[in-house]
């Protein structure tokens, strides 16, 4: 909890540091490999050679928070990169879990907001992961949205203009 609280407090300050061209495929592939090595099952698809000027540690933190949520609350987790012709880049983390009730989709970005009201960390969390991801996405000039998927599950979509 303390680490996540500090990450939330420091989020914007860390973005001020030097940005660099980052190969999205390499960054996400390394994360997926780390999760696979730790025994988690997830898929990754996306174009190679897609780069973006960003702060890679902040982007990595966003992706870790989104993937952790997908693995914790869903199954059949997939991470994908979609470079669109309109100079937009979308990174999605999709799962086949219960999704989030529509009335909570925006509130889950608030610090300490949890859908599950008990204090059990096994069924919830601290309520900071999505708040941190949202704050960092905004600081990177990106947008982070959540949407329930047809057939069940959730899609977290992180978009940037390239």
Protein backbone atom coordinates (compact mmCIF):
# COMPACT_ATOMS: atom_id res chain seq x y z
CA UNK A 1 0.00 0.00 0.00
CA UNK A 2 2.80 2.40 0.89
CA UNK A 3 4.66 1.64 -2.35
CA UNK A 4 1.51 2.24 -4.41
CA UNK A 5 0.72 5.44 -2.52
CA UNK A 6 4.23 6.74 -3.18
CA UNK A 7 3.94 5.75 -6.85
CA UNK A 8 0.73 7.76 -7.10
CA UNK A 9 2.31 10.76 -5.41
CA UNK A 10 5.45 10.61 -7.56
CA UNK A 11 3.71 9.77 -10.83
CA UNK A 12 3.77 13.14 -12.53
CA UNK A 13 7.17 14.12 -11.14
CA UNK A 14 8.87 11.15 -12.75
CA UNK A 15 7.42 11.98 -16.17
CA UNK A 16 9.43 15.20 -16.25
CA UNK A 17 12.57 13.15 -16.76
CA UNK A 18 14.04 12.60 -20.21
CA UNK A 19 11.79 10.79 -22.67
CA UNK A 20 13.20 8.56 -25.39
CA UNK A 21 12.11 6.64 -28.48
CA UNK A 22 10.78 3.35 -27.19
CA UNK A 23 10.11 0.19 -29.19
CA UNK A 24 6.66 -0.81 -27.95
CA UNK A 25 6.90 -4.39 -29.17
CA UNK A 26 10.20 -4.93 -27.34
CA UNK A 27 8.93 -3.32 -24.12
CA UNK A 28 5.68 -5.28 -24.00
CA UNK A 29 7.27 -8.52 -25.19
CA UNK A 30 9.75 -8.33 -22.32
CA UNK A 31 6.88 -7.85 -19.86
CA UNK A 32 4.90 -10.75 -21.30
CA UNK A 33 8.01 -12.95 -21.11
CA UNK A 34 8.49 -11.96 -17.45
CA UNK A 35 4.89 -12.93 -16.66
CA UNK A 36 5.26 -16.20 -18.59
CA UNK A 37 8.48 -17.01 -16.73
CA UNK A 38 6.58 -16.45 -13.47
CA UNK A 39 3.90 -18.96 -14.55
CA UNK A 40 1.19 -16.61 -15.80
CA UNK A 41 -0.59 -17.33 -19.05
CA UNK A 42 -1.17 -14.47 -21.46
CA UNK A 43 -0.85 -13.77 -25.17
CA UNK A 44 0.75 -10.92 -27.05
CA UNK A 45 0.16 -9.70 -30.57
CA UNK A 46 1.22 -6.61 -32.39
CA UNK A 47 3.35 -5.06 -35.04
CA UNK A 48 7.10 -4.94 -34.67
CA UNK A 49 8.97 -1.70 -35.18
CA UNK A 50 6.32 0.56 -33.66
CA UNK A 51 8.11 3.26 -31.66
CA UNK A 52 6.88 6.15 -29.58
CA UNK A 53 8.56 9.03 -27.78
CA UNK A 54 7.73 8.32 -24.16
CA UNK A 55 9.01 7.69 -20.68
CA UNK A 56 9.50 3.90 -20.79
CA UNK A 57 9.41 3.34 -17.01
CA UNK A 58 6.05 5.12 -16.73
CA UNK A 59 4.66 3.14 -19.67
CA UNK A 60 5.98 -0.05 -18.11
CA UNK A 61 4.21 0.80 -14.81
CA UNK A 62 0.92 1.38 -16.64
CA UNK A 63 1.21 -1.94 -18.46
CA UNK A 64 2.09 -3.85 -15.28
CA UNK A 65 -0.97 -2.43 -13.50
CA UNK A 66 -3.28 -3.30 -16.41
CA UNK A 67 -1.85 -6.81 -16.92
CA UNK A 68 -1.95 -7.51 -13.16
CA UNK A 69 -5.64 -6.59 -13.11
CA UNK A 70 -6.39 -8.75 -16.15
CA UNK A 71 -4.66 -11.76 -14.60
CA UNK A 72 -6.18 -11.21 -11.16
CA UNK A 73 -9.79 -10.69 -12.22
CA UNK A 74 -10.01 -12.47 -15.57
CA UNK A 75 -8.64 -15.22 -17.73
CA UNK A 76 -7.58 -15.52 -21.36
CA UNK A 77 -5.56 -12.30 -21.08
CA UNK A 78 -4.23 -10.76 -24.28
CA UNK A 79 -2.04 -7.71 -24.81
CA UNK A 80 -2.08 -6.16 -28.28
CA UNK A 81 -0.51 -3.23 -30.10
CA UNK A 82 -2.45 -1.60 -32.91
CA UNK A 83 -0.71 1.12 -34.93
CA UNK A 84 -3.48 2.88 -36.82
CA UNK A 85 -3.10 4.78 -40.11
CA UNK A 86 -4.26 7.99 -38.42
CA UNK A 87 -0.99 8.17 -36.44
CA UNK A 88 -2.70 6.70 -33.38
CA UNK A 89 -1.23 3.87 -31.39
CA UNK A 90 -3.44 1.74 -29.17
CA UNK A 91 -2.26 -0.80 -26.63
CA UNK A 92 -5.01 -3.02 -25.26
CA UNK A 93 -5.16 -5.48 -22.40
CA UNK A 94 -8.22 -7.70 -22.76
CA UNK A 95 -9.53 -10.49 -20.57
CA UNK A 96 -12.50 -12.80 -20.26
CA UNK A 97 -13.48 -12.14 -16.68
CA UNK A 98 -16.54 -10.61 -15.05
CA UNK A 99 -15.80 -7.11 -16.34
CA UNK A 100 -16.79 -4.05 -14.33
CA UNK A 101 -20.39 -2.98 -13.78
CA UNK A 102 -21.10 0.00 -16.04
CA UNK A 103 -21.83 2.29 -13.10
CA UNK A 104 -18.27 1.74 -11.80
CA UNK A 105 -16.28 2.11 -15.06
CA UNK A 106 -15.24 5.72 -14.41
CA UNK A 107 -15.03 5.50 -10.61
CA UNK A 108 -12.38 2.76 -10.64
CA UNK A 109 -9.86 5.42 -11.74
CA UNK A 110 -10.32 7.26 -8.43
CA UNK A 111 -7.65 6.61 -5.76
CA UNK A 112 -8.68 3.97 -3.22
CA UNK A 113 -11.93 3.18 -5.06
CA UNK A 114 -12.74 -0.51 -4.98
CA UNK A 115 -15.76 -2.30 -6.39
CA UNK A 116 -15.41 -5.09 -3.86
CA UNK A 117 -16.08 -3.48 -0.47
CA UNK A 118 -14.31 -5.93 1.84
CA UNK A 119 -10.75 -5.29 2.91
CA UNK A 120 -9.63 -8.66 1.59
CA UNK A 121 -6.58 -8.09 -0.65
CA UNK A 122 -7.24 -11.44 -2.36
CA UNK A 123 -10.56 -10.23 -3.78
CA UNK A 124 -9.70 -6.60 -4.23
CA UNK A 125 -6.60 -4.54 -3.89
CA UNK A 126 -5.66 -1.15 -2.59
CA UNK A 127 -7.69 0.70 -5.19
CA UNK A 128 -4.59 2.48 -6.50
CA UNK A 129 -3.51 0.48 -9.56
CA UNK A 130 -5.92 2.04 -12.04
CA UNK A 131 -5.58 5.49 -10.46
CA UNK A 132 -1.81 5.31 -10.98
CA UNK A 133 -2.23 4.00 -14.53
CA UNK A 134 -4.68 6.81 -15.35
CA UNK A 135 -2.43 9.48 -13.86
CA UNK A 136 0.62 8.22 -15.75
CA UNK A 137 -1.31 7.86 -19.02
CA UNK A 138 -2.45 11.46 -18.71
CA UNK A 139 1.08 12.64 -17.93
CA UNK A 140 2.31 10.82 -21.06
CA UNK A 141 -0.39 12.62 -23.08
CA UNK A 142 -2.29 9.42 -23.61
CA UNK A 143 -5.80 8.30 -22.80
CA UNK A 144 -6.75 5.25 -20.80
CA UNK A 145 -10.27 3.88 -21.08
CA UNK A 146 -12.05 0.77 -19.88
CA UNK A 147 -14.91 -1.00 -21.64
CA UNK A 148 -16.78 -4.22 -21.03
CA UNK A 149 -16.41 -6.73 -23.85
CA UNK A 150 -19.19 -8.51 -25.66
CA UNK A 151 -19.29 -12.04 -24.29
CA UNK A 152 -17.79 -10.99 -20.94
CA UNK A 153 -14.53 -9.49 -19.84
CA UNK A 154 -12.88 -6.12 -19.91
CA UNK A 155 -10.71 -4.19 -22.33
CA UNK A 156 -8.30 -1.56 -21.05
CA UNK A 157 -7.26 0.68 -23.96
CA UNK A 158 -4.26 3.00 -23.82
CA UNK A 159 -4.03 5.37 -26.81
CA UNK A 160 -1.34 7.77 -27.97
CA UNK A 161 -0.88 10.05 -30.95
CA UNK A 162 2.42 9.26 -32.63
